[in-house]
Protein backbone atom coordinates (compact mmCIF):
# COMPACT_ATOMS: atom_id res chain seq x y z
CA MET A 1 -41.07 166.71 59.77
CA ASN A 2 -38.59 164.34 61.15
CA LYS A 3 -40.18 164.72 64.48
CA LYS A 4 -41.08 161.08 65.67
CA LEU A 5 -44.79 160.83 66.64
CA ARG A 6 -45.52 160.35 70.28
CA ILE A 7 -48.57 158.40 70.92
CA LEU A 8 -50.36 157.83 74.63
CA LEU A 9 -52.17 154.64 75.06
CA SER A 10 -54.23 153.73 78.01
CA ASN A 11 -57.19 151.36 78.25
CA ASP A 12 -59.98 149.50 80.74
CA ASP A 13 -58.77 146.12 80.59
CA GLY A 14 -55.38 146.60 82.69
CA VAL A 15 -51.90 147.52 82.14
CA PHE A 16 -51.06 143.59 81.20
CA ALA A 17 -53.95 143.15 78.81
CA GLU A 18 -52.86 141.37 75.49
CA GLY A 19 -54.86 143.95 73.52
CA LEU A 20 -52.99 146.88 74.79
CA ASN A 21 -49.53 145.23 74.55
CA THR A 22 -50.08 144.07 70.81
CA LEU A 23 -51.23 147.57 69.81
CA ALA A 24 -48.36 148.83 71.71
CA ALA A 25 -45.79 146.59 69.68
CA VAL A 26 -46.97 147.59 66.52
CA LEU A 27 -47.07 150.96 67.11
CA SER A 28 -43.65 151.48 68.17
CA ASP A 29 -42.36 151.19 65.00
CA ILE A 30 -43.60 154.42 64.04
CA ALA A 31 -44.01 156.20 67.35
CA ASP A 32 -42.66 156.70 70.71
CA ILE A 33 -45.13 155.03 72.79
CA THR A 34 -46.09 155.72 76.43
CA ILE A 35 -48.54 153.43 78.17
CA VAL A 36 -50.55 154.62 81.17
CA ALA A 37 -53.13 152.08 82.36
CA PRO A 38 -55.04 150.79 85.47
CA ASP A 39 -53.27 148.43 87.68
CA ARG A 40 -56.47 145.68 86.64
CA ASN A 41 -59.41 145.21 84.85
CA ARG A 42 -61.64 148.23 84.96
CA SER A 43 -64.09 147.75 81.90
CA GLY A 44 -67.49 149.40 82.65
CA ALA A 45 -65.92 152.24 84.76
CA SER A 46 -67.05 154.86 81.94
CA ASN A 47 -66.05 158.55 82.49
CA SER A 48 -65.55 158.13 86.27
CA LEU A 49 -63.05 159.46 88.28
CA THR A 50 -61.31 158.85 91.47
CA LEU A 51 -61.90 161.53 94.08
CA GLU A 52 -62.03 159.88 97.45
CA SER A 53 -58.63 158.57 97.47
CA PRO A 54 -55.50 159.37 96.21
CA LEU A 55 -54.15 157.86 92.78
CA ARG A 56 -51.38 155.37 93.42
CA VAL A 57 -48.66 155.17 90.17
CA ARG A 58 -46.28 152.10 89.61
CA GLN A 59 -43.89 152.70 87.19
CA ILE A 60 -43.48 148.71 85.71
CA GLU A 61 -40.85 150.38 82.80
CA ALA A 62 -39.54 153.37 81.56
CA GLN A 63 -42.29 154.18 79.40
CA ILE A 64 -45.04 152.12 81.40
CA HIS A 65 -46.91 153.24 84.20
CA SER A 66 -49.63 151.47 86.32
CA VAL A 67 -52.37 153.30 88.11
CA GLN A 68 -54.77 152.29 90.83
CA GLY A 69 -57.64 154.07 89.25
CA THR A 70 -59.79 154.42 86.14
CA PRO A 71 -59.11 154.75 82.63
CA THR A 72 -60.13 158.54 82.69
CA ASP A 73 -57.74 158.78 86.14
CA CYS A 74 -54.91 157.40 83.60
CA VAL A 75 -55.24 159.75 80.92
CA HIS A 76 -56.16 162.68 83.58
CA PHE A 77 -52.70 161.58 85.28
CA ALA A 78 -50.98 161.12 81.92
CA LEU A 79 -51.66 164.36 80.72
CA ASN A 80 -51.60 166.80 83.69
CA GLU A 81 -48.63 165.31 85.23
CA LEU A 82 -46.81 162.62 83.83
CA MET A 83 -46.38 164.17 80.30
CA LYS A 84 -47.47 167.76 80.78
CA SER A 85 -44.41 169.38 79.65
CA ASN A 86 -43.88 167.35 76.22
CA LEU A 87 -47.72 166.25 75.65
CA PRO A 88 -48.39 163.44 73.13
CA ASP A 89 -49.54 163.97 69.66
CA LEU A 90 -52.39 161.55 69.68
CA ILE A 91 -53.99 159.41 72.07
CA ILE A 92 -55.18 155.80 71.43
CA THR A 93 -57.01 153.47 73.75
CA GLY A 94 -57.22 149.70 73.45
CA ILE A 95 -57.50 147.38 72.09
CA ASN A 96 -60.66 146.68 73.96
CA HIS A 97 -61.35 142.69 74.64
CA GLY A 98 -64.77 143.10 72.84
CA ALA A 99 -66.98 145.39 71.22
CA ASN A 100 -68.14 148.94 72.10
CA LEU A 101 -70.83 149.17 70.04
CA GLY A 102 -74.10 151.06 70.00
CA ASP A 103 -75.16 152.12 73.53
CA ASP A 104 -72.45 150.15 74.91
CA THR A 105 -69.89 153.16 74.21
CA LEU A 106 -71.79 155.12 77.25
CA TYR A 107 -70.41 152.69 79.78
CA SER A 108 -66.88 151.52 78.11
CA GLY A 109 -64.33 152.70 79.95
CA THR A 110 -62.05 152.48 76.74
CA VAL A 111 -64.21 154.79 75.17
CA ALA A 112 -63.96 156.95 78.39
CA ALA A 113 -60.13 157.10 78.50
CA ALA A 114 -60.24 158.55 74.73
CA THR A 115 -62.84 161.08 75.66
CA GLU A 116 -60.82 162.36 78.75
CA GLY A 117 -58.15 162.87 76.18
CA HIS A 118 -60.46 164.90 73.96
CA PHE A 119 -61.40 166.85 76.43
CA LEU A 120 -57.96 168.07 77.19
CA GLY A 121 -57.48 169.09 73.89
CA LEU A 122 -55.61 166.19 71.71
CA PRO A 123 -56.94 164.06 69.00
CA ALA A 124 -58.11 160.43 70.71
CA ILE A 125 -59.01 157.04 68.71
CA ALA A 126 -61.01 154.35 70.93
CA MET A 127 -60.10 150.95 69.33
CA SER A 128 -62.27 147.65 69.94
CA LEU A 129 -61.81 143.99 68.79
CA VAL A 130 -65.24 142.53 68.41
CA GLY A 131 -63.97 139.19 70.05
CA ASP A 132 -60.74 138.13 71.78
CA LYS A 133 -58.28 136.32 69.12
CA HIS A 134 -57.17 138.65 66.38
CA PHE A 135 -55.86 141.83 68.26
CA ASP A 136 -53.02 141.61 65.69
CA THR A 137 -55.55 142.82 62.94
CA ALA A 138 -56.97 145.66 65.27
CA ALA A 139 -53.54 146.43 65.82
CA LEU A 140 -52.97 146.95 62.27
CA VAL A 141 -55.87 148.83 61.48
CA ALA A 142 -54.96 151.25 64.07
CA LEU A 143 -51.53 151.65 62.51
CA LYS A 144 -53.39 152.43 59.15
CA LEU A 145 -55.50 154.88 60.87
CA VAL A 146 -52.21 156.68 62.48
CA GLN A 147 -50.37 156.82 59.16
CA ASN A 148 -53.29 158.23 57.41
CA HIS A 149 -53.79 161.01 60.22
CA LEU A 150 -50.10 161.80 59.61
CA GLU A 151 -50.48 162.16 55.75
CA LYS A 152 -54.38 163.68 56.36
CA PRO A 153 -54.73 165.14 59.67
CA LEU A 154 -58.44 164.76 60.66
CA THR A 155 -59.98 168.25 60.35
CA THR A 156 -63.16 167.54 62.60
CA LYS A 157 -62.72 167.53 66.59
CA ARG A 158 -64.36 164.31 67.13
CA VAL A 159 -63.14 160.86 69.25
CA LEU A 160 -63.23 158.16 66.68
CA ASN A 161 -64.91 155.16 67.92
CA VAL A 162 -63.29 152.10 65.91
CA ASN A 163 -64.54 148.49 66.35
CA VAL A 164 -62.61 145.73 64.29
CA PRO A 165 -64.16 142.31 63.42
CA ASP A 166 -62.13 139.25 65.19
CA CYS A 167 -60.94 137.76 61.84
CA GLU A 168 -57.64 137.88 59.72
CA TYR A 169 -56.91 141.07 58.63
CA ALA A 170 -57.16 139.90 54.86
CA GLN A 171 -60.67 138.85 55.90
CA ILE A 172 -61.93 142.61 56.26
CA SER A 173 -64.05 143.36 53.53
CA SER A 174 -64.25 147.24 53.79
CA TRP A 175 -64.03 150.14 56.37
CA GLU A 176 -67.03 151.97 57.08
CA ILE A 177 -67.95 155.66 58.69
CA THR A 178 -70.85 154.47 60.84
CA ARG A 179 -73.74 155.62 63.19
CA LEU A 180 -73.97 153.88 66.63
CA GLY A 181 -76.72 151.42 66.80
CA ALA A 182 -79.06 150.83 69.60
CA ARG A 183 -79.95 147.84 71.97
CA HIS A 184 -83.26 146.82 73.50
CA HIS A 185 -83.28 147.41 77.59
CA SER A 186 -80.98 145.44 79.39
CA GLU A 187 -82.06 141.97 80.75
CA SER A 188 -83.31 141.73 84.29
CA MET A 189 -81.03 141.17 87.36
CA ILE A 190 -79.51 137.66 88.10
CA LYS A 191 -80.60 137.20 92.03
CA ASP A 192 -78.31 134.94 93.60
CA THR A 193 -76.64 134.00 97.16
CA ASP A 194 -73.41 134.23 98.34
CA PRO A 195 -71.52 131.23 100.31
CA ARG A 196 -72.41 133.25 103.77
CA GLY A 197 -76.21 133.24 102.78
CA GLU A 198 -76.08 136.83 102.17
CA THR A 199 -78.43 137.96 98.79
CA ILE A 200 -76.44 139.19 95.85
CA TYR A 201 -77.28 140.47 92.66
CA TRP A 202 -75.59 140.21 88.92
CA LEU A 203 -76.13 142.57 86.29
CA GLY A 204 -78.18 141.08 83.58
CA PRO A 205 -76.94 140.55 80.07
CA PRO A 206 -77.20 143.28 77.64
CA GLY A 207 -80.52 143.60 75.61
CA LYS A 208 -80.95 142.26 72.04
CA LYS A 209 -80.07 144.49 69.24
CA GLN A 210 -82.91 147.03 67.93
CA ASP A 211 -81.51 149.39 65.86
CA ALA A 212 -78.67 147.40 63.51
CA GLY A 213 -79.40 148.07 60.04
CA GLN A 214 -77.21 149.12 57.57
CA GLY A 215 -75.22 152.30 58.75
CA THR A 216 -74.95 151.41 61.78
CA ASP A 217 -71.92 150.12 63.48
CA PHE A 218 -73.36 146.68 64.48
CA TYR A 219 -74.50 146.23 60.90
CA ALA A 220 -70.78 147.07 59.66
CA VAL A 221 -69.05 144.46 62.06
CA LYS A 222 -71.66 141.69 61.32
CA HIS A 223 -70.60 142.14 57.77
CA ASN A 224 -66.83 141.77 58.52
CA CYS A 225 -66.17 145.91 58.00
CA VAL A 226 -64.27 148.11 60.11
CA SER A 227 -66.56 150.40 61.76
CA ILE A 228 -65.48 153.98 62.26
CA THR A 229 -67.78 156.27 64.25
CA PRO A 230 -67.12 159.77 64.66
CA LEU A 231 -68.47 160.76 68.36
CA GLN A 232 -69.21 164.43 69.99
CA VAL A 233 -69.24 164.93 73.62
CA ASP A 234 -71.86 167.60 73.71
CA LEU A 235 -74.87 166.06 74.83
CA THR A 236 -76.88 169.03 74.31
CA ALA A 237 -80.37 168.09 72.46
CA HIS A 238 -79.99 171.41 70.54
CA ASP A 239 -82.92 170.66 68.32
CA SER A 240 -85.32 170.81 71.20
CA LEU A 241 -83.73 174.27 72.72
CA THR A 242 -86.39 176.38 70.74
CA ILE A 243 -89.18 173.83 71.74
CA MET A 244 -88.14 174.02 75.31
CA ALA A 245 -88.24 177.25 75.70
CA ASP A 246 -91.55 177.74 73.86
CA TRP A 247 -92.67 174.83 76.47
CA LEU A 248 -90.97 177.11 79.73
CA LEU A 249 -93.23 179.99 78.42
CA LYS A 250 -96.25 178.39 77.88
CA GLU A 251 -96.16 176.56 81.90
CA SER A 252 -95.84 180.09 83.53
CA SER A 253 -96.58 178.02 86.82
CA ILE A 254 -93.01 176.81 87.04
CA LEU A 255 -91.85 180.41 86.59
């Protein structure tokens, strides 16, 4: 009971990002913090791993390591090498500079880093600020979640995706358990020309919100609520297994 909590922190905005370092400063009061994060911004990296080249790791301070790789690489390295003899009790990723709501969670390196920790058997929380100002608010939300977890550990093995409104902590109206909302398809790509006259393409902006009603993460943060969405990594559509089996039997030409 007297053992100090050990927390691994990572992110996708890079090891020097304000969100990550604000989170570390606040949590260091109750835990021993180890940071393993990308050496640069790797937003949108999702669950990608670096397979064609080695990982280069630089120790910045005693408990801070910078990895020339993706967020998933960082957590994989931390748990399978750096901390393998003394694993952390909890993994928290973020605080992301911007929201990870709805479909965006599929692309998020912040969520992916937490998912990697979950894959390797540890409880994980992904933290995001829906904005870029009040990182202290999101850090305080993270602190309260950790304290709650210490008093009453989560019984469900899920990644928690937490999005915090960009406001003063006192302005948060409530905490809500939510489901992921959804967007329309992203907008068309933007065609341009580089200084050498070569054609280049930029990804278009995200699509507008499609499913953003009450109960969704979009709705919660719009109304100044902390959104907490439990995520599962099993992508199997279990309710379709029987239907697919029946379809396959009927389509005998496939067999």
